[in-house]
Amino acid sequence: MGLVRNVAHAILRYIPPVVIQIGAASSGWASLTPSERDVVRLVSEGLGNNDIATRLFVSPRTVQTHLTHVYTKLGLTSRVQLAQEAARHA
């Protein structure tokens, strides 16, 4: 049992702890994840989903998922609205 505990302890020393933000925003710009912010930045540069996916090394479907989350968090319904809001927010 000591060996298993020692191995587990050694592994856990190298895994960063998960940080849970109490009271973190669930909507608005502050609620966007770093990946969502990256997608917004690239949308505001005029890139399409396929180009964004290539730049971020993810699938186009992942880009679309990020956009869906961004639209929900910011209360938007279109890419044009997102680009306009991103320009205002910058």
PDB file of N, CA and C in Angstrom:
ATOM      1  N   MET A   1       0.821  -1.190   0.000  1.00  0.00           N
ATOM      2  CA  MET A   1       0.000   0.000   0.000  1.00  0.00           C
ATOM      3  C   MET A   1       0.860   1.246   0.000  1.00  0.00           C
ATOM      4  N   GLY A   2       2.017   1.199   0.656  1.00  0.00           N
ATOM      5  CA  GLY A   2       2.900   2.352   0.723  1.00  0.00           C
ATOM      6  C   GLY A   2       3.399   2.754  -0.654  1.00  0.00           C
ATOM      7  N   LEU A   3       3.706   1.760  -1.500  1.00  0.00           N
ATOM      8  CA  LEU A   3       4.200   2.054  -2.849  1.00  0.00           C
ATOM      9  C   LEU A   3       3.130   2.782  -3.666  1.00  0.00           C
ATOM     10  N   VAL A   4       1.903   2.321  -3.601  1.00  0.00           N
ATOM     11  CA  VAL A   4       0.816   2.951  -4.346  1.00  0.00           C
ATOM     12  C   VAL A   4       0.629   4.401  -3.878  1.00  0.00           C
ATOM     13  N   ARG A   5       0.651   4.612  -2.594  1.00  0.00           N
ATOM     14  CA  ARG A   5       0.489   5.963  -2.054  1.00  0.00           C
ATOM     15  C   ARG A   5       1.643   6.860  -2.481  1.00  0.00           C
ATOM     16  N   ASN A   6       2.859   6.333  -2.473  1.00  0.00           N
ATOM     17  CA  ASN A   6       4.024   7.124  -2.890  1.00  0.00           C
ATOM     18  C   ASN A   6       3.953   7.499  -4.371  1.00  0.00           C
ATOM     19  N   VAL A   7       3.521   6.553  -5.199  1.00  0.00           N
ATOM     20  CA  VAL A   7       3.390   6.827  -6.630  1.00  0.00           C
ATOM     21  C   VAL A   7       2.295   7.867  -6.858  1.00  0.00           C
ATOM     22  N   ALA A   8       1.160   7.693  -6.193  1.00  0.00           N
ATOM     23  CA  ALA A   8       0.063   8.645  -6.336  1.00  0.00           C
ATOM     24  C   ALA A   8       0.503  10.040  -5.892  1.00  0.00           C
ATOM     25  N   HIS A   9       1.217  10.111  -4.797  1.00  0.00           N
ATOM     26  CA  HIS A   9       1.699  11.401  -4.297  1.00  0.00           C
ATOM     27  C   HIS A   9       2.668  12.040  -5.293  1.00  0.00           C
ATOM     28  N   ALA A  10       3.554  11.244  -5.870  1.00  0.00           N
ATOM     29  CA  ALA A  10       4.509  11.764  -6.853  1.00  0.00           C
ATOM     30  C   ALA A  10       3.792  12.287  -8.094  1.00  0.00           C
ATOM     31  N   ILE A  11       2.781  11.565  -8.553  1.00  0.00           N
ATOM     32  CA  ILE A  11       2.027  11.998  -9.733  1.00  0.00           C
ATOM     33  C   ILE A  11       1.279  13.291  -9.431  1.00  0.00           C
ATOM     34  N   LEU A  12       0.621  13.368  -8.294  1.00  0.00           N
ATOM     35  CA  LEU A  12      -0.170  14.543  -7.951  1.00  0.00           C
ATOM     36  C   LEU A  12       0.676  15.798  -7.786  1.00  0.00           C
ATOM     37  N   ARG A  13       1.942  15.631  -7.456  1.00  0.00           N
ATOM     38  CA  ARG A  13       2.820  16.796  -7.332  1.00  0.00           C
ATOM     39  C   ARG A  13       3.017  17.493  -8.673  1.00  0.00           C
ATOM     40  N   TYR A  14       2.845  16.758  -9.769  1.00  0.00           N
ATOM     41  CA  TYR A  14       3.076  17.318 -11.094  1.00  0.00           C
ATOM     42  C   TYR A  14       1.795  17.692 -11.840  1.00  0.00           C
ATOM     43  N   ILE A  15       0.666  17.478 -11.235  1.00  0.00           N
ATOM     44  CA  ILE A  15      -0.612  17.855 -11.840  1.00  0.00           C
ATOM     45  C   ILE A  15      -1.048  19.161 -11.191  1.00  0.00           C
ATOM     46  N   PRO A  16      -1.227  20.197 -11.996  1.00  0.00           N
ATOM     47  CA  PRO A  16      -1.646  21.472 -11.382  1.00  0.00           C
ATOM     48  C   PRO A  16      -3.018  21.339 -10.747  1.00  0.00           C
ATOM     49  N   PRO A  17      -3.216  22.029  -9.640  1.00  0.00           N
ATOM     50  CA  PRO A  17      -4.527  21.947  -8.982  1.00  0.00           C
ATOM     51  C   PRO A  17      -5.584  22.635  -9.824  1.00  0.00           C
ATOM     52  N   VAL A  18      -6.801  22.155  -9.699  1.00  0.00           N
ATOM     53  CA  VAL A  18      -7.933  22.772 -10.383  1.00  0.00           C
ATOM     54  C   VAL A  18      -8.375  23.957  -9.536  1.00  0.00           C
ATOM     55  N   VAL A  19      -8.493  25.092 -10.186  1.00  0.00           N
ATOM     56  CA  VAL A  19      -8.916  26.288  -9.472  1.00  0.00           C
ATOM     57  C   VAL A  19     -10.385  26.527  -9.787  1.00  0.00           C
ATOM     58  N   ILE A  20     -11.172  26.601  -8.757  1.00  0.00           N
ATOM     59  CA  ILE A  20     -12.591  26.862  -8.916  1.00  0.00           C
ATOM     60  C   ILE A  20     -12.833  28.291  -8.458  1.00  0.00           C
ATOM     61  N   GLN A  21     -13.363  29.096  -9.354  1.00  0.00           N
ATOM     62  CA  GLN A  21     -13.623  30.485  -9.018  1.00  0.00           C
ATOM     63  C   GLN A  21     -15.024  30.607  -8.452  1.00  0.00           C
ATOM     64  N   ILE A  22     -15.094  30.930  -7.192  1.00  0.00           N
ATOM     65  CA  ILE A  22     -16.385  31.117  -6.551  1.00  0.00           C
ATOM     66  C   ILE A  22     -16.900  32.488  -6.950  1.00  0.00           C
ATOM     67  N   GLY A  23     -18.117  32.530  -7.423  1.00  0.00           N
ATOM     68  CA  GLY A  23     -18.693  33.797  -7.838  1.00  0.00           C
ATOM     69  C   GLY A  23     -18.232  34.238  -9.217  1.00  0.00           C
ATOM     70  N   ALA A  24     -17.657  33.335  -9.986  1.00  0.00           N
ATOM     71  CA  ALA A  24     -17.218  33.677 -11.339  1.00  0.00           C
ATOM     72  C   ALA A  24     -18.428  34.040 -12.187  1.00  0.00           C
ATOM     73  N   ALA A  25     -18.219  34.977 -13.094  1.00  0.00           N
ATOM     74  CA  ALA A  25     -19.307  35.435 -13.946  1.00  0.00           C
ATOM     75  C   ALA A  25     -19.805  34.312 -14.842  1.00  0.00           C
ATOM     76  N   SER A  26     -21.104  34.246 -15.039  1.00  0.00           N
ATOM     77  CA  SER A  26     -21.674  33.228 -15.923  1.00  0.00           C
ATOM     78  C   SER A  26     -22.138  33.840 -17.238  1.00  0.00           C
ATOM     79  N   SER A  27     -22.067  35.161 -17.331  1.00  0.00           N
ATOM     80  CA  SER A  27     -22.401  35.838 -18.580  1.00  0.00           C
ATOM     81  C   SER A  27     -21.539  37.092 -18.693  1.00  0.00           C
ATOM     82  N   GLY A  28     -21.507  37.644 -19.897  1.00  0.00           N
ATOM     83  CA  GLY A  28     -20.691  38.830 -20.130  1.00  0.00           C
ATOM     84  C   GLY A  28     -19.266  38.465 -20.509  1.00  0.00           C
ATOM     85  N   TRP A  29     -18.497  39.485 -20.840  1.00  0.00           N
ATOM     86  CA  TRP A  29     -17.120  39.270 -21.318  1.00  0.00           C
ATOM     87  C   TRP A  29     -16.252  38.556 -20.286  1.00  0.00           C
ATOM     88  N   ALA A  30     -16.477  38.832 -19.010  1.00  0.00           N
ATOM     89  CA  ALA A  30     -15.666  38.211 -17.956  1.00  0.00           C
ATOM     90  C   ALA A  30     -15.877  36.704 -17.876  1.00  0.00           C
ATOM     91  N   SER A  31     -16.981  36.219 -18.416  1.00  0.00           N
ATOM     92  CA  SER A  31     -17.281  34.787 -18.332  1.00  0.00           C
ATOM     93  C   SER A  31     -16.615  33.968 -19.441  1.00  0.00           C
ATOM     94  N   LEU A  32     -16.042  34.632 -20.440  1.00  0.00           N
ATOM     95  CA  LEU A  32     -15.459  33.896 -21.565  1.00  0.00           C
ATOM     96  C   LEU A  32     -14.169  33.195 -21.146  1.00  0.00           C
ATOM     97  N   THR A  33     -14.020  31.970 -21.617  1.00  0.00           N
ATOM     98  CA  THR A  33     -12.791  31.220 -21.369  1.00  0.00           C
ATOM     99  C   THR A  33     -11.685  31.756 -22.285  1.00  0.00           C
ATOM    100  N   PRO A  34     -10.433  31.445 -21.986  1.00  0.00           N
ATOM    101  CA  PRO A  34      -9.345  31.861 -22.882  1.00  0.00           C
ATOM    102  C   PRO A  34      -9.549  31.373 -24.323  1.00  0.00           C
ATOM    103  N   SER A  35     -10.034  30.155 -24.492  1.00  0.00           N
ATOM    104  CA  SER A  35     -10.269  29.632 -25.844  1.00  0.00           C
ATOM    105  C   SER A  35     -11.378  30.404 -26.542  1.00  0.00           C
ATOM    106  N   GLU A  36     -12.430  30.724 -25.806  1.00  0.00           N
ATOM    107  CA  GLU A  36     -13.519  31.502 -26.386  1.00  0.00           C
ATOM    108  C   GLU A  36     -13.024  32.893 -26.787  1.00  0.00           C
ATOM    109  N   ARG A  37     -12.176  33.494 -25.955  1.00  0.00           N
ATOM    110  CA  ARG A  37     -11.611  34.807 -26.289  1.00  0.00           C
ATOM    111  C   ARG A  37     -10.754  34.737 -27.545  1.00  0.00           C
ATOM    112  N   ASP A  38      -9.995  33.659 -27.687  1.00  0.00           N
ATOM    113  CA  ASP A  38      -9.173  33.477 -28.898  1.00  0.00           C
ATOM    114  C   ASP A  38     -10.057  33.424 -30.133  1.00  0.00           C
ATOM    115  N   VAL A  39     -11.155  32.687 -30.042  1.00  0.00           N
ATOM    116  CA  VAL A  39     -12.075  32.569 -31.174  1.00  0.00           C
ATOM    117  C   VAL A  39     -12.683  33.929 -31.498  1.00  0.00           C
ATOM    118  N   VAL A  40     -13.098  34.677 -30.478  1.00  0.00           N
ATOM    119  CA  VAL A  40     -13.670  36.003 -30.701  1.00  0.00           C
ATOM    120  C   VAL A  40     -12.656  36.908 -31.400  1.00  0.00           C
ATOM    121  N   ARG A  41     -11.412  36.880 -30.950  1.00  0.00           N
ATOM    122  CA  ARG A  41     -10.362  37.709 -31.555  1.00  0.00           C
ATOM    123  C   ARG A  41     -10.203  37.381 -33.032  1.00  0.00           C
ATOM    124  N   LEU A  42     -10.193  36.096 -33.359  1.00  0.00           N
ATOM    125  CA  LEU A  42     -10.007  35.690 -34.748  1.00  0.00           C
ATOM    126  C   LEU A  42     -11.240  35.984 -35.599  1.00  0.00           C
ATOM    127  N   VAL A  43     -12.426  35.873 -35.016  1.00  0.00           N
ATOM    128  CA  VAL A  43     -13.651  36.271 -35.729  1.00  0.00           C
ATOM    129  C   VAL A  43     -13.577  37.756 -36.045  1.00  0.00           C
ATOM    130  N   SER A  44     -13.130  38.546 -35.079  1.00  0.00           N
ATOM    131  CA  SER A  44     -13.065  39.994 -35.294  1.00  0.00           C
ATOM    132  C   SER A  44     -12.013  40.371 -36.329  1.00  0.00           C
ATOM    133  N   GLU A  45     -11.062  39.471 -36.594  1.00  0.00           N
ATOM    134  CA  GLU A  45     -10.077  39.679 -37.655  1.00  0.00           C
ATOM    135  C   GLU A  45     -10.620  39.249 -39.016  1.00  0.00           C
ATOM    136  N   GLY A  46     -11.835  38.706 -39.016  1.00  0.00           N
ATOM    137  CA  GLY A  46     -12.479  38.332 -40.274  1.00  0.00           C
ATOM    138  C   GLY A  46     -12.265  36.892 -40.704  1.00  0.00           C
ATOM    139  N   LEU A  47     -11.707  36.060 -39.858  1.00  0.00           N
ATOM    140  CA  LEU A  47     -11.465  34.663 -40.224  1.00  0.00           C
ATOM    141  C   LEU A  47     -12.742  33.837 -40.121  1.00  0.00           C
ATOM    142  N   GLY A  48     -12.854  32.840 -40.978  1.00  0.00           N
ATOM    143  CA  GLY A  48     -13.953  31.886 -40.927  1.00  0.00           C
ATOM    144  C   GLY A  48     -13.611  30.740 -39.984  1.00  0.00           C
ATOM    145  N   ASN A  49     -14.597  29.910 -39.704  1.00  0.00           N
ATOM    146  CA  ASN A  49     -14.403  28.804 -38.759  1.00  0.00           C
ATOM    147  C   ASN A  49     -13.269  27.866 -39.158  1.00  0.00           C
ATOM    148  N   ASN A  50     -13.155  27.539 -40.434  1.00  0.00           N
ATOM    149  CA  ASN A  50     -12.085  26.628 -40.860  1.00  0.00           C
ATOM    150  C   ASN A  50     -10.709  27.240 -40.626  1.00  0.00           C
ATOM    151  N   ASP A  51     -10.564  28.529 -40.918  1.00  0.00           N
ATOM    152  CA  ASP A  51      -9.284  29.200 -40.702  1.00  0.00           C
ATOM    153  C   ASP A  51      -8.966  29.334 -39.217  1.00  0.00           C
ATOM    154  N   ILE A  52      -9.987  29.623 -38.429  1.00  0.00           N
ATOM    155  CA  ILE A  52      -9.796  29.708 -36.972  1.00  0.00           C
ATOM    156  C   ILE A  52      -9.363  28.345 -36.435  1.00  0.00           C
ATOM    157  N   ALA A  53     -10.025  27.296 -36.894  1.00  0.00           N
ATOM    158  CA  ALA A  53      -9.683  25.939 -36.451  1.00  0.00           C
ATOM    159  C   ALA A  53      -8.231  25.614 -36.774  1.00  0.00           C
ATOM    160  N   THR A  54      -7.803  25.986 -37.967  1.00  0.00           N
ATOM    161  CA  THR A  54      -6.411  25.727 -38.360  1.00  0.00           C
ATOM    162  C   THR A  54      -5.453  26.481 -37.451  1.00  0.00           C
ATOM    163  N   ARG A  55      -5.743  27.737 -37.199  1.00  0.00           N
ATOM    164  CA  ARG A  55      -4.869  28.562 -36.350  1.00  0.00           C
ATOM    165  C   ARG A  55      -4.779  28.040 -34.922  1.00  0.00           C
ATOM    166  N   LEU A  56      -5.899  27.545 -34.406  1.00  0.00           N
ATOM    167  CA  LEU A  56      -5.947  27.103 -33.004  1.00  0.00           C
ATOM    168  C   LEU A  56      -5.692  25.608 -32.829  1.00  0.00           C
ATOM    169  N   PHE A  57      -5.475  24.904 -33.940  1.00  0.00           N
ATOM    170  CA  PHE A  57      -5.226  23.450 -33.900  1.00  0.00           C
ATOM    171  C   PHE A  57      -6.387  22.685 -33.274  1.00  0.00           C
ATOM    172  N   VAL A  58      -7.602  23.089 -33.655  1.00  0.00           N
ATOM    173  CA  VAL A  58      -8.810  22.391 -33.214  1.00  0.00           C
ATOM    174  C   VAL A  58      -9.667  22.122 -34.442  1.00  0.00           C
ATOM    175  N   SER A  59     -10.767  21.431 -34.252  1.00  0.00           N
ATOM    176  CA  SER A  59     -11.665  21.154 -35.376  1.00  0.00           C
ATOM    177  C   SER A  59     -12.617  22.329 -35.595  1.00  0.00           C
ATOM    178  N   PRO A  60     -13.147  22.456 -36.812  1.00  0.00           N
ATOM    179  CA  PRO A  60     -14.161  23.490 -37.046  1.00  0.00           C
ATOM    180  C   PRO A  60     -15.371  23.333 -36.124  1.00  0.00           C
ATOM    181  N   ARG A  61     -15.701  22.112 -35.783  1.00  0.00           N
ATOM    182  CA  ARG A  61     -16.822  21.867 -34.859  1.00  0.00           C
ATOM    183  C   ARG A  61     -16.535  22.450 -33.480  1.00  0.00           C
ATOM    184  N   THR A  62     -15.286  22.357 -33.035  1.00  0.00           N
ATOM    185  CA  THR A  62     -14.908  22.947 -31.748  1.00  0.00           C
ATOM    186  C   THR A  62     -15.042  24.463 -31.806  1.00  0.00           C
ATOM    187  N   VAL A  63     -14.638  25.051 -32.915  1.00  0.00           N
ATOM    188  CA  VAL A  63     -14.797  26.497 -33.090  1.00  0.00           C
ATOM    189  C   VAL A  63     -16.271  26.857 -32.996  1.00  0.00           C
ATOM    190  N   GLN A  64     -17.137  26.102 -33.675  1.00  0.00           N
ATOM    191  CA  GLN A  64     -18.566  26.378 -33.629  1.00  0.00           C
ATOM    192  C   GLN A  64     -19.108  26.247 -32.210  1.00  0.00           C
ATOM    193  N   THR A  65     -18.641  25.266 -31.475  1.00  0.00           N
ATOM    194  CA  THR A  65     -19.068  25.096 -30.083  1.00  0.00           C
ATOM    195  C   THR A  65     -18.664  26.309 -29.248  1.00  0.00           C
ATOM    196  N   HIS A  66     -17.419  26.768 -29.423  1.00  0.00           N
ATOM    197  CA  HIS A  66     -16.978  27.967 -28.700  1.00  0.00           C
ATOM    198  C   HIS A  66     -17.861  29.162 -29.060  1.00  0.00           C
ATOM    199  N   LEU A  67     -18.169  29.312 -30.351  1.00  0.00           N
ATOM    200  CA  LEU A  67     -19.012  30.429 -30.778  1.00  0.00           C
ATOM    201  C   LEU A  67     -20.409  30.340 -30.167  1.00  0.00           C
ATOM    202  N   THR A  68     -20.966  29.152 -30.117  1.00  0.00           N
ATOM    203  CA  THR A  68     -22.288  28.966 -29.512  1.00  0.00           C
ATOM    204  C   THR A  68     -22.269  29.403 -28.048  1.00  0.00           C
ATOM    205  N   HIS A  69     -21.213  29.019 -27.330  1.00  0.00           N
ATOM    206  CA  HIS A  69     -21.086  29.421 -25.925  1.00  0.00           C
ATOM    207  C   HIS A  69     -20.929  30.932 -25.802  1.00  0.00           C
ATOM    208  N   VAL A  70     -20.126  31.520 -26.693  1.00  0.00           N
ATOM    209  CA  VAL A  70     -19.918  32.970 -26.666  1.00  0.00           C
ATOM    210  C   VAL A  70     -21.233  33.693 -26.920  1.00  0.00           C
ATOM    211  N   TYR A  71     -21.976  33.261 -27.936  1.00  0.00           N
ATOM    212  CA  TYR A  71     -23.262  33.899 -28.243  1.00  0.00           C
ATOM    213  C   TYR A  71     -24.186  33.854 -27.022  1.00  0.00           C
ATOM    214  N   THR A  72     -24.236  32.713 -26.369  1.00  0.00           N
ATOM    215  CA  THR A  72     -25.097  32.561 -25.199  1.00  0.00           C
ATOM    216  C   THR A  72     -24.640  33.484 -24.067  1.00  0.00           C
ATOM    217  N   LYS A  73     -23.360  33.483 -23.780  1.00  0.00           N
ATOM    218  CA  LYS A  73     -22.829  34.282 -22.673  1.00  0.00           C
ATOM    219  C   LYS A  73     -22.988  35.782 -22.915  1.00  0.00           C
ATOM    220  N   LEU A  74     -22.894  36.201 -24.168  1.00  0.00           N
ATOM    221  CA  LEU A  74     -22.968  37.623 -24.476  1.00  0.00           C
ATOM    222  C   LEU A  74     -24.367  38.062 -24.939  1.00  0.00           C
ATOM    223  N   GLY A  75     -25.282  37.107 -25.048  1.00  0.00           N
ATOM    224  CA  GLY A  75     -26.637  37.428 -25.468  1.00  0.00           C
ATOM    225  C   GLY A  75     -26.716  37.863 -26.923  1.00  0.00           C
ATOM    226  N   LEU A  76     -25.921  37.245 -27.761  1.00  0.00           N
ATOM    227  CA  LEU A  76     -25.872  37.587 -29.182  1.00  0.00           C
ATOM    228  C   LEU A  76     -26.479  36.467 -30.011  1.00  0.00           C
ATOM    229  N   THR A  77     -26.805  36.790 -31.265  1.00  0.00           N
ATOM    230  CA  THR A  77     -27.397  35.771 -32.130  1.00  0.00           C
ATOM    231  C   THR A  77     -26.659  35.601 -33.448  1.00  0.00           C
ATOM    232  N   SER A  78     -25.627  36.421 -33.697  1.00  0.00           N
ATOM    233  CA  SER A  78     -24.949  36.289 -34.984  1.00  0.00           C
ATOM    234  C   SER A  78     -23.474  36.658 -34.896  1.00  0.00           C
ATOM    235  N   ARG A  79     -22.754  36.234 -35.898  1.00  0.00           N
ATOM    236  CA  ARG A  79     -21.334  36.537 -36.037  1.00  0.00           C
ATOM    237  C   ARG A  79     -21.128  38.045 -36.237  1.00  0.00           C
ATOM    238  N   VAL A  80     -22.033  38.676 -36.967  1.00  0.00           N
ATOM    239  CA  VAL A  80     -21.938  40.122 -37.192  1.00  0.00           C
ATOM    240  C   VAL A  80     -22.071  40.862 -35.862  1.00  0.00           C
ATOM    241  N   GLN A  81     -23.050  40.471 -35.061  1.00  0.00           N
ATOM    242  CA  GLN A  81     -23.209  41.085 -33.735  1.00  0.00           C
ATOM    243  C   GLN A  81     -21.956  40.879 -32.899  1.00  0.00           C
ATOM    244  N   LEU A  82     -21.383  39.686 -32.969  1.00  0.00           N
ATOM    245  CA  LEU A  82     -20.178  39.392 -32.202  1.00  0.00           C
ATOM    246  C   LEU A  82     -19.028  40.303 -32.637  1.00  0.00           C
ATOM    247  N   ALA A  83     -18.836  40.456 -33.918  1.00  0.00           N
ATOM    248  CA  ALA A  83     -17.758  41.316 -34.436  1.00  0.00           C
ATOM    249  C   ALA A  83     -17.976  42.766 -33.977  1.00  0.00           C
ATOM    250  N   GLN A  84     -19.221  43.234 -34.014  1.00  0.00           N
ATOM    251  CA  GLN A  84     -19.525  44.595 -33.562  1.00  0.00           C
ATOM    252  C   GLN A  84     -19.250  44.776 -32.078  1.00  0.00           C
ATOM    253  N   GLU A  85     -19.686  43.807 -31.278  1.00  0.00           N
ATOM    254  CA  GLU A  85     -19.457  43.883 -29.830  1.00  0.00           C
ATOM    255  C   GLU A  85     -17.974  43.774 -29.496  1.00  0.00           C
ATOM    256  N   ALA A  86     -17.261  42.940 -30.219  1.00  0.00           N
ATOM    257  CA  ALA A  86     -15.816  42.786 -29.994  1.00  0.00           C
ATOM    258  C   ALA A  86     -15.090  44.092 -30.284  1.00  0.00           C
ATOM    259  N   ALA A  87     -15.511  44.790 -31.339  1.00  0.00           N
ATOM    260  CA  ALA A  87     -14.904  46.080 -31.674  1.00  0.00           C
ATOM    261  C   ALA A  87     -15.181  47.104 -30.576  1.00  0.00           C
ATOM    262  N   ARG A  88     -16.372  47.078 -30.020  1.00  0.00           N
ATOM    263  CA  ARG A  88     -16.724  47.995 -28.925  1.00  0.00           C
ATOM    264  C   ARG A  88     -15.977  47.664 -27.652  1.00  0.00           C
ATOM    265  N   HIS A  89     -15.783  46.387 -27.445  1.00  0.00           N
ATOM    266  CA  HIS A  89     -15.150  45.933 -26.194  1.00  0.00           C
ATOM    267  C   HIS A  89     -13.635  46.133 -26.199  1.00  0.00           C
ATOM    268  N   ALA A  90     -13.045  46.179 -27.384  1.00  0.00           N
ATOM    269  CA  ALA A  90     -11.573  46.276 -27.504  1.00  0.00           C
ATOM    270  C   ALA A  90     -11.023  47.566 -26.962  1.00  0.00           C
TER     271      ALA A  90
END
